[in-house]
N, C-alpha and C. Protein backbone atom coordinates (compact mmCIF):
# COMPACT_ATOMS: atom_id res chain seq x y z
N MET A 1 -1.38 27.16 -24.92
CA MET A 1 -1.14 26.55 -23.63
C MET A 1 -2.17 25.45 -23.42
N LYS A 2 -1.70 24.27 -22.96
CA LYS A 2 -2.55 23.10 -22.80
C LYS A 2 -2.87 22.88 -21.32
N LEU A 3 -3.77 23.66 -20.77
CA LEU A 3 -4.18 23.49 -19.38
C LEU A 3 -5.14 22.32 -19.26
N LYS A 4 -5.09 21.63 -18.14
CA LYS A 4 -6.02 20.53 -17.89
C LYS A 4 -6.69 20.79 -16.55
N GLU A 5 -8.01 20.78 -16.56
CA GLU A 5 -8.75 20.96 -15.32
C GLU A 5 -8.77 19.66 -14.54
N ILE A 6 -8.62 19.76 -13.23
CA ILE A 6 -8.68 18.60 -12.35
C ILE A 6 -9.94 18.78 -11.50
N ARG A 7 -10.78 17.75 -11.55
CA ARG A 7 -12.06 17.82 -10.83
C ARG A 7 -12.17 16.67 -9.85
N ASP A 8 -12.84 16.93 -8.72
CA ASP A 8 -13.02 15.87 -7.73
C ASP A 8 -14.15 14.94 -8.16
N GLU A 9 -14.47 13.95 -7.33
CA GLU A 9 -15.48 12.95 -7.68
C GLU A 9 -16.87 13.55 -7.88
N LYS A 10 -17.11 14.74 -7.37
CA LYS A 10 -18.40 15.41 -7.55
C LYS A 10 -18.41 16.28 -8.79
N GLY A 11 -17.26 16.43 -9.44
CA GLY A 11 -17.18 17.26 -10.64
C GLY A 11 -16.79 18.70 -10.36
N THR A 12 -16.47 19.01 -9.10
CA THR A 12 -16.08 20.37 -8.73
C THR A 12 -14.61 20.59 -9.08
N LEU A 13 -14.33 21.73 -9.68
CA LEU A 13 -12.96 22.07 -10.04
C LEU A 13 -12.09 22.11 -8.78
N SER A 14 -11.01 21.32 -8.78
CA SER A 14 -10.13 21.29 -7.61
C SER A 14 -8.71 21.73 -7.95
N GLY A 15 -8.43 21.93 -9.22
CA GLY A 15 -7.09 22.38 -9.60
C GLY A 15 -6.95 22.48 -11.10
N VAL A 16 -5.78 22.99 -11.49
CA VAL A 16 -5.46 23.13 -12.91
C VAL A 16 -4.04 22.62 -13.10
N LEU A 17 -3.86 21.75 -14.07
CA LEU A 17 -2.54 21.21 -14.39
C LEU A 17 -1.95 22.03 -15.53
N ILE A 18 -0.75 22.56 -15.31
CA ILE A 18 -0.06 23.34 -16.33
C ILE A 18 1.19 22.56 -16.73
N PRO A 19 1.27 22.08 -17.97
CA PRO A 19 2.48 21.36 -18.40
C PRO A 19 3.72 22.25 -18.25
N ALA A 20 4.81 21.64 -17.78
CA ALA A 20 6.04 22.40 -17.55
C ALA A 20 6.54 23.07 -18.83
N ASP A 21 6.26 22.47 -19.98
CA ASP A 21 6.68 23.08 -21.24
C ASP A 21 5.99 24.42 -21.50
N ASP A 22 4.89 24.69 -20.81
CA ASP A 22 4.13 25.93 -21.00
C ASP A 22 4.47 27.01 -19.98
N PHE A 23 5.41 26.75 -19.07
CA PHE A 23 5.77 27.73 -18.05
C PHE A 23 6.24 29.05 -18.67
N ARG A 24 7.10 28.96 -19.68
CA ARG A 24 7.64 30.18 -20.30
C ARG A 24 6.52 31.05 -20.85
N GLU A 25 5.57 30.44 -21.58
CA GLU A 25 4.45 31.18 -22.15
C GLU A 25 3.60 31.82 -21.05
N LEU A 26 3.34 31.06 -19.99
CA LEU A 26 2.54 31.59 -18.89
C LEU A 26 3.27 32.74 -18.20
N LYS A 27 4.56 32.57 -17.97
CA LYS A 27 5.35 33.59 -17.28
C LYS A 27 5.34 34.91 -18.07
N GLU A 28 5.38 34.80 -19.41
CA GLU A 28 5.39 36.00 -20.25
C GLU A 28 4.09 36.79 -20.16
N SER A 29 3.00 36.12 -19.76
CA SER A 29 1.72 36.81 -19.65
C SER A 29 1.50 37.42 -18.26
N LEU A 30 2.45 37.21 -17.36
CA LEU A 30 2.31 37.72 -15.99
C LEU A 30 3.08 39.02 -15.82
N LYS A 31 2.66 39.79 -14.82
CA LYS A 31 3.32 41.06 -14.51
C LYS A 31 4.70 40.77 -13.90
N THR A 32 5.73 41.36 -14.49
CA THR A 32 7.09 41.19 -13.99
C THR A 32 7.17 41.62 -12.53
N GLY A 33 7.79 40.77 -11.71
CA GLY A 33 7.94 41.09 -10.30
C GLY A 33 6.78 40.65 -9.43
N SER A 34 5.69 40.17 -10.06
CA SER A 34 4.58 39.68 -9.24
C SER A 34 4.97 38.35 -8.61
N LYS A 35 4.26 37.95 -7.57
CA LYS A 35 4.57 36.69 -6.90
C LYS A 35 4.44 35.51 -7.85
N PHE A 36 3.40 35.53 -8.69
CA PHE A 36 3.21 34.46 -9.66
C PHE A 36 4.36 34.42 -10.67
N PHE A 37 4.75 35.60 -11.17
CA PHE A 37 5.86 35.69 -12.12
C PHE A 37 7.12 35.10 -11.50
N ASP A 38 7.43 35.52 -10.28
CA ASP A 38 8.64 35.02 -9.60
C ASP A 38 8.55 33.51 -9.36
N TYR A 39 7.37 33.02 -9.01
CA TYR A 39 7.18 31.60 -8.77
C TYR A 39 7.45 30.80 -10.06
N PHE A 40 6.84 31.21 -11.16
CA PHE A 40 7.05 30.48 -12.41
C PHE A 40 8.45 30.67 -12.96
N ASP A 41 9.06 31.81 -12.69
CA ASP A 41 10.45 32.02 -13.08
C ASP A 41 11.35 31.03 -12.33
N SER A 42 11.07 30.84 -11.06
CA SER A 42 11.83 29.89 -10.24
C SER A 42 11.61 28.45 -10.73
N LEU A 43 10.36 28.09 -11.01
CA LEU A 43 10.06 26.75 -11.51
C LEU A 43 10.78 26.48 -12.83
N GLN A 44 10.73 27.46 -13.71
CA GLN A 44 11.36 27.30 -15.02
C GLN A 44 12.87 27.17 -14.88
N SER A 45 13.46 27.98 -14.02
CA SER A 45 14.90 27.92 -13.79
C SER A 45 15.30 26.58 -13.19
N ASN A 46 14.52 26.11 -12.19
CA ASN A 46 14.81 24.82 -11.56
C ASN A 46 14.70 23.68 -12.58
N ARG A 47 13.71 23.75 -13.45
CA ARG A 47 13.51 22.71 -14.46
C ARG A 47 14.69 22.68 -15.43
N GLU A 48 15.15 23.84 -15.84
CA GLU A 48 16.29 23.90 -16.76
C GLU A 48 17.55 23.35 -16.08
N ASN A 49 17.72 23.66 -14.79
CA ASN A 49 18.87 23.12 -14.05
C ASN A 49 18.79 21.60 -13.92
N GLU A 50 17.58 21.09 -13.65
CA GLU A 50 17.39 19.64 -13.55
C GLU A 50 17.73 18.95 -14.87
N LYS A 51 17.25 19.53 -15.97
CA LYS A 51 17.55 18.95 -17.29
C LYS A 51 19.05 18.96 -17.55
N ARG A 52 19.69 20.07 -17.23
CA ARG A 52 21.14 20.19 -17.44
C ARG A 52 21.88 19.16 -16.59
N ASN A 53 21.45 18.99 -15.34
CA ASN A 53 22.10 18.01 -14.46
C ASN A 53 21.91 16.60 -14.97
N LEU A 54 20.72 16.27 -15.47
CA LEU A 54 20.46 14.92 -15.98
C LEU A 54 21.26 14.62 -17.24
N ASP A 55 21.66 15.66 -17.96
CA ASP A 55 22.44 15.47 -19.19
C ASP A 55 23.95 15.40 -18.94
N GLN A 56 24.38 15.65 -17.69
CA GLN A 56 25.81 15.59 -17.38
C GLN A 56 26.33 14.17 -17.51
N LEU A 57 27.57 14.07 -17.99
CA LEU A 57 28.19 12.75 -18.11
C LEU A 57 28.78 12.30 -16.78
N MET A 58 28.58 11.02 -16.48
CA MET A 58 29.13 10.40 -15.29
C MET A 58 30.47 9.76 -15.66
N PRO A 59 31.29 9.39 -14.68
CA PRO A 59 32.57 8.74 -14.98
C PRO A 59 32.40 7.44 -15.79
N ASN A 60 31.21 6.82 -15.73
CA ASN A 60 30.98 5.58 -16.48
C ASN A 60 30.67 5.83 -17.95
N GLY A 61 30.65 7.11 -18.36
CA GLY A 61 30.40 7.46 -19.76
C GLY A 61 28.94 7.67 -20.09
N SER A 62 28.05 7.37 -19.17
CA SER A 62 26.62 7.58 -19.36
C SER A 62 26.20 8.89 -18.72
N THR A 63 25.06 9.42 -19.16
CA THR A 63 24.53 10.62 -18.52
C THR A 63 23.93 10.23 -17.18
N VAL A 64 23.63 11.22 -16.36
CA VAL A 64 22.98 10.97 -15.07
C VAL A 64 21.64 10.28 -15.32
N ALA A 65 20.88 10.75 -16.31
CA ALA A 65 19.57 10.17 -16.62
C ALA A 65 19.72 8.70 -17.03
N GLU A 66 20.70 8.40 -17.87
CA GLU A 66 20.92 7.02 -18.29
C GLU A 66 21.32 6.14 -17.11
N THR A 67 22.18 6.68 -16.24
CA THR A 67 22.61 5.94 -15.06
C THR A 67 21.44 5.68 -14.12
N ASN A 68 20.57 6.68 -13.95
CA ASN A 68 19.37 6.51 -13.12
C ASN A 68 18.48 5.41 -13.70
N GLU A 69 18.31 5.40 -15.01
CA GLU A 69 17.47 4.39 -15.66
C GLU A 69 18.06 2.98 -15.48
N LYS A 70 19.36 2.85 -15.66
CA LYS A 70 20.02 1.55 -15.47
C LYS A 70 19.89 1.08 -14.02
N THR A 71 20.03 2.01 -13.09
CA THR A 71 19.91 1.67 -11.66
C THR A 71 18.49 1.21 -11.34
N ALA A 72 17.49 1.90 -11.88
CA ALA A 72 16.10 1.51 -11.65
C ALA A 72 15.82 0.12 -12.20
N LYS A 73 16.34 -0.18 -13.39
CA LYS A 73 16.15 -1.52 -13.99
C LYS A 73 16.83 -2.59 -13.14
N LEU A 74 18.03 -2.32 -12.68
CA LEU A 74 18.75 -3.28 -11.86
C LEU A 74 18.01 -3.52 -10.54
N THR A 75 17.53 -2.45 -9.92
CA THR A 75 16.77 -2.57 -8.67
C THR A 75 15.52 -3.42 -8.89
N GLU A 76 14.83 -3.21 -10.01
CA GLU A 76 13.64 -4.00 -10.29
C GLU A 76 14.01 -5.47 -10.51
N GLU A 77 15.12 -5.73 -11.19
CA GLU A 77 15.55 -7.12 -11.40
C GLU A 77 15.86 -7.80 -10.06
N ILE A 78 16.52 -7.08 -9.16
CA ILE A 78 16.84 -7.64 -7.84
C ILE A 78 15.56 -7.96 -7.07
N HIS A 79 14.59 -7.03 -7.09
CA HIS A 79 13.32 -7.27 -6.40
C HIS A 79 12.56 -8.42 -7.06
N ARG A 80 12.56 -8.48 -8.38
CA ARG A 80 11.85 -9.55 -9.09
C ARG A 80 12.43 -10.92 -8.70
N GLU A 81 13.75 -11.02 -8.66
CA GLU A 81 14.42 -12.27 -8.28
C GLU A 81 14.07 -12.65 -6.84
N ALA A 82 14.13 -11.69 -5.93
CA ALA A 82 13.81 -11.98 -4.52
C ALA A 82 12.37 -12.43 -4.37
N ILE A 83 11.46 -11.72 -5.00
CA ILE A 83 10.04 -12.05 -4.87
C ILE A 83 9.74 -13.42 -5.49
N SER A 84 10.43 -13.75 -6.58
CA SER A 84 10.22 -15.07 -7.20
C SER A 84 10.66 -16.20 -6.27
N ARG A 85 11.53 -15.88 -5.33
CA ARG A 85 12.00 -16.87 -4.35
C ARG A 85 11.29 -16.73 -3.00
N ASP A 86 10.22 -15.92 -2.96
CA ASP A 86 9.45 -15.67 -1.74
C ASP A 86 10.27 -14.99 -0.64
N VAL A 87 11.18 -14.12 -1.04
CA VAL A 87 12.02 -13.40 -0.09
C VAL A 87 11.56 -11.94 -0.06
N PRO A 88 11.21 -11.41 1.11
CA PRO A 88 10.82 -9.99 1.18
C PRO A 88 12.04 -9.09 0.96
N MET A 89 11.78 -7.90 0.49
CA MET A 89 12.85 -6.89 0.29
C MET A 89 12.57 -5.73 1.23
N PHE A 90 13.63 -5.10 1.69
CA PHE A 90 13.52 -3.99 2.64
C PHE A 90 14.08 -2.73 2.02
N TYR A 91 13.42 -1.62 2.26
CA TYR A 91 13.90 -0.33 1.78
C TYR A 91 13.39 0.76 2.72
N ARG A 92 13.90 1.95 2.50
CA ARG A 92 13.48 3.10 3.32
C ARG A 92 12.85 4.14 2.41
N ASP A 93 11.80 4.76 2.92
CA ASP A 93 11.22 5.94 2.29
C ASP A 93 10.68 6.82 3.42
N GLU A 94 9.85 7.80 3.09
CA GLU A 94 9.39 8.75 4.11
C GLU A 94 8.54 8.10 5.20
N ARG A 95 8.05 6.90 4.97
CA ARG A 95 7.25 6.21 5.99
C ARG A 95 8.12 5.62 7.09
N ALA A 96 9.38 5.36 6.80
CA ALA A 96 10.32 4.83 7.80
C ALA A 96 11.03 6.02 8.42
N ARG A 97 10.59 6.44 9.57
CA ARG A 97 11.10 7.68 10.17
C ARG A 97 12.29 7.46 11.08
N ALA A 98 12.25 6.46 11.93
CA ALA A 98 13.36 6.18 12.84
C ALA A 98 14.45 5.43 12.07
N THR A 99 15.68 5.53 12.54
CA THR A 99 16.80 4.90 11.84
C THR A 99 16.69 3.38 11.77
N LYS A 100 15.98 2.77 12.71
CA LYS A 100 15.83 1.32 12.72
C LYS A 100 14.60 0.84 11.94
N GLU A 101 13.84 1.77 11.39
CA GLU A 101 12.62 1.41 10.67
C GLU A 101 12.88 1.23 9.17
N PHE A 102 12.17 0.24 8.60
CA PHE A 102 12.25 -0.05 7.17
C PHE A 102 10.87 -0.44 6.67
N VAL A 103 10.68 -0.30 5.35
CA VAL A 103 9.48 -0.82 4.72
C VAL A 103 9.84 -2.20 4.20
N ARG A 104 9.02 -3.18 4.55
CA ARG A 104 9.23 -4.55 4.05
C ARG A 104 8.24 -4.78 2.92
N ALA A 105 8.78 -4.99 1.71
CA ALA A 105 7.96 -5.35 0.55
C ALA A 105 7.84 -6.86 0.53
N ASN A 106 6.64 -7.36 0.81
CA ASN A 106 6.41 -8.79 0.91
C ASN A 106 6.12 -9.40 -0.46
N PRO A 107 6.43 -10.68 -0.65
CA PRO A 107 6.20 -11.34 -1.94
C PRO A 107 4.75 -11.31 -2.42
N ASP A 108 3.79 -11.15 -1.49
CA ASP A 108 2.38 -11.10 -1.89
C ASP A 108 1.94 -9.71 -2.34
N GLY A 109 2.88 -8.76 -2.36
CA GLY A 109 2.55 -7.40 -2.79
C GLY A 109 2.10 -6.49 -1.66
N SER A 110 2.09 -6.97 -0.44
CA SER A 110 1.74 -6.12 0.70
C SER A 110 3.02 -5.44 1.22
N GLU A 111 2.85 -4.47 2.09
CA GLU A 111 3.98 -3.79 2.71
C GLU A 111 3.72 -3.62 4.20
N ASP A 112 4.80 -3.74 4.98
CA ASP A 112 4.73 -3.54 6.42
C ASP A 112 5.84 -2.57 6.84
N LEU A 113 5.57 -1.82 7.89
CA LEU A 113 6.62 -1.03 8.52
C LEU A 113 7.22 -1.92 9.59
N VAL A 114 8.54 -2.11 9.51
CA VAL A 114 9.22 -3.01 10.45
C VAL A 114 10.36 -2.27 11.14
N SER A 115 10.76 -2.81 12.27
CA SER A 115 11.90 -2.29 13.02
C SER A 115 12.95 -3.38 13.08
N TYR A 116 14.21 -3.00 12.83
CA TYR A 116 15.30 -3.97 12.85
C TYR A 116 16.06 -3.86 14.16
N ASP A 117 16.22 -4.99 14.85
CA ASP A 117 16.97 -5.05 16.11
C ASP A 117 18.34 -5.65 15.81
N MET A 118 19.38 -4.83 15.87
CA MET A 118 20.73 -5.30 15.52
C MET A 118 21.23 -6.36 16.51
N ALA A 119 20.83 -6.24 17.75
CA ALA A 119 21.31 -7.20 18.76
C ALA A 119 20.83 -8.61 18.46
N THR A 120 19.57 -8.75 18.06
CA THR A 120 19.02 -10.08 17.77
C THR A 120 19.01 -10.39 16.28
N ARG A 121 19.35 -9.38 15.47
CA ARG A 121 19.34 -9.51 14.01
C ARG A 121 17.98 -9.98 13.51
N SER A 122 16.95 -9.34 14.05
CA SER A 122 15.59 -9.73 13.65
C SER A 122 14.73 -8.49 13.42
N TYR A 123 13.67 -8.70 12.67
CA TYR A 123 12.70 -7.65 12.37
C TYR A 123 11.44 -7.90 13.16
N SER A 124 10.80 -6.82 13.59
CA SER A 124 9.48 -6.94 14.19
C SER A 124 8.54 -5.99 13.43
N VAL A 125 7.35 -6.45 13.17
CA VAL A 125 6.37 -5.65 12.42
C VAL A 125 5.79 -4.59 13.35
N LEU A 126 5.92 -3.34 12.95
CA LEU A 126 5.34 -2.23 13.71
C LEU A 126 3.89 -2.02 13.31
N LYS A 127 3.64 -2.06 11.99
CA LYS A 127 2.26 -1.94 11.51
C LYS A 127 2.21 -2.28 10.03
N PRO A 128 1.07 -2.83 9.58
CA PRO A 128 0.90 -3.06 8.15
C PRO A 128 0.71 -1.71 7.45
N LEU A 129 1.30 -1.56 6.28
CA LEU A 129 1.18 -0.31 5.54
C LEU A 129 0.19 -0.43 4.39
N LEU A 130 0.33 -1.49 3.59
CA LEU A 130 -0.55 -1.69 2.44
C LEU A 130 -0.95 -3.16 2.35
N PRO A 131 -2.21 -3.43 1.95
CA PRO A 131 -2.67 -4.82 1.88
C PRO A 131 -2.09 -5.56 0.67
N VAL A 132 -2.37 -6.84 0.60
CA VAL A 132 -1.90 -7.70 -0.48
C VAL A 132 -2.21 -7.07 -1.85
N GLY A 133 -1.18 -7.03 -2.69
CA GLY A 133 -1.35 -6.52 -4.05
C GLY A 133 -1.37 -5.02 -4.20
N LYS A 134 -1.19 -4.27 -3.12
CA LYS A 134 -1.28 -2.80 -3.19
C LYS A 134 0.06 -2.10 -2.98
N GLY A 135 1.11 -2.83 -2.66
CA GLY A 135 2.42 -2.22 -2.41
C GLY A 135 3.10 -1.78 -3.70
N TYR A 136 4.14 -0.97 -3.55
CA TYR A 136 4.87 -0.44 -4.70
C TYR A 136 5.39 -1.56 -5.60
N TRP A 137 5.89 -2.62 -5.00
CA TRP A 137 6.49 -3.73 -5.76
C TRP A 137 5.46 -4.81 -6.11
N SER A 138 4.18 -4.57 -5.88
CA SER A 138 3.17 -5.60 -6.13
C SER A 138 3.11 -5.98 -7.61
N LYS A 139 3.50 -5.09 -8.49
CA LYS A 139 3.49 -5.42 -9.93
C LYS A 139 4.38 -6.62 -10.20
N LEU A 140 5.38 -6.80 -9.36
CA LEU A 140 6.29 -7.95 -9.53
C LEU A 140 5.69 -9.21 -8.94
N SER A 141 4.93 -9.09 -7.85
CA SER A 141 4.37 -10.27 -7.20
C SER A 141 3.25 -10.87 -8.05
N ILE A 142 2.57 -10.05 -8.79
CA ILE A 142 1.47 -10.52 -9.63
C ILE A 142 2.01 -11.38 -10.77
N THR A 143 3.23 -11.10 -11.22
CA THR A 143 3.79 -11.81 -12.35
C THR A 143 4.49 -13.10 -11.96
N LYS A 144 4.49 -13.43 -10.67
CA LYS A 144 5.25 -14.63 -10.27
C LYS A 144 4.54 -15.92 -10.54
């Protein structure tokens, strides 16, 4: 089993990383029916289900995993094109809580939380989220 210790900036042990491939071996060393055994049994079962789902064929003839990869590449191409033209891109994630809220990925690599007003068809900045060069899509802005 290839455990990796995780330590904080002071060197104090703060966690242990267990590779998912080692769950079966770890589970076998635990007492059947214990909370840890049940937890790792659940993790292992969920992982096997995820793998099986990713291997399923889609109507396009590709697996779910292949389709996800193609979609991610296409999304990156769209963002790269927009950023090269100095056009911000908008998306939603857990930071955009209200239905009118979006994350604006700016061409300089910063991000803002914005609200969209349908009546005026305009955005207003609610608050800056990440500074220049620190946003998720900043890797694209650096290459422009």
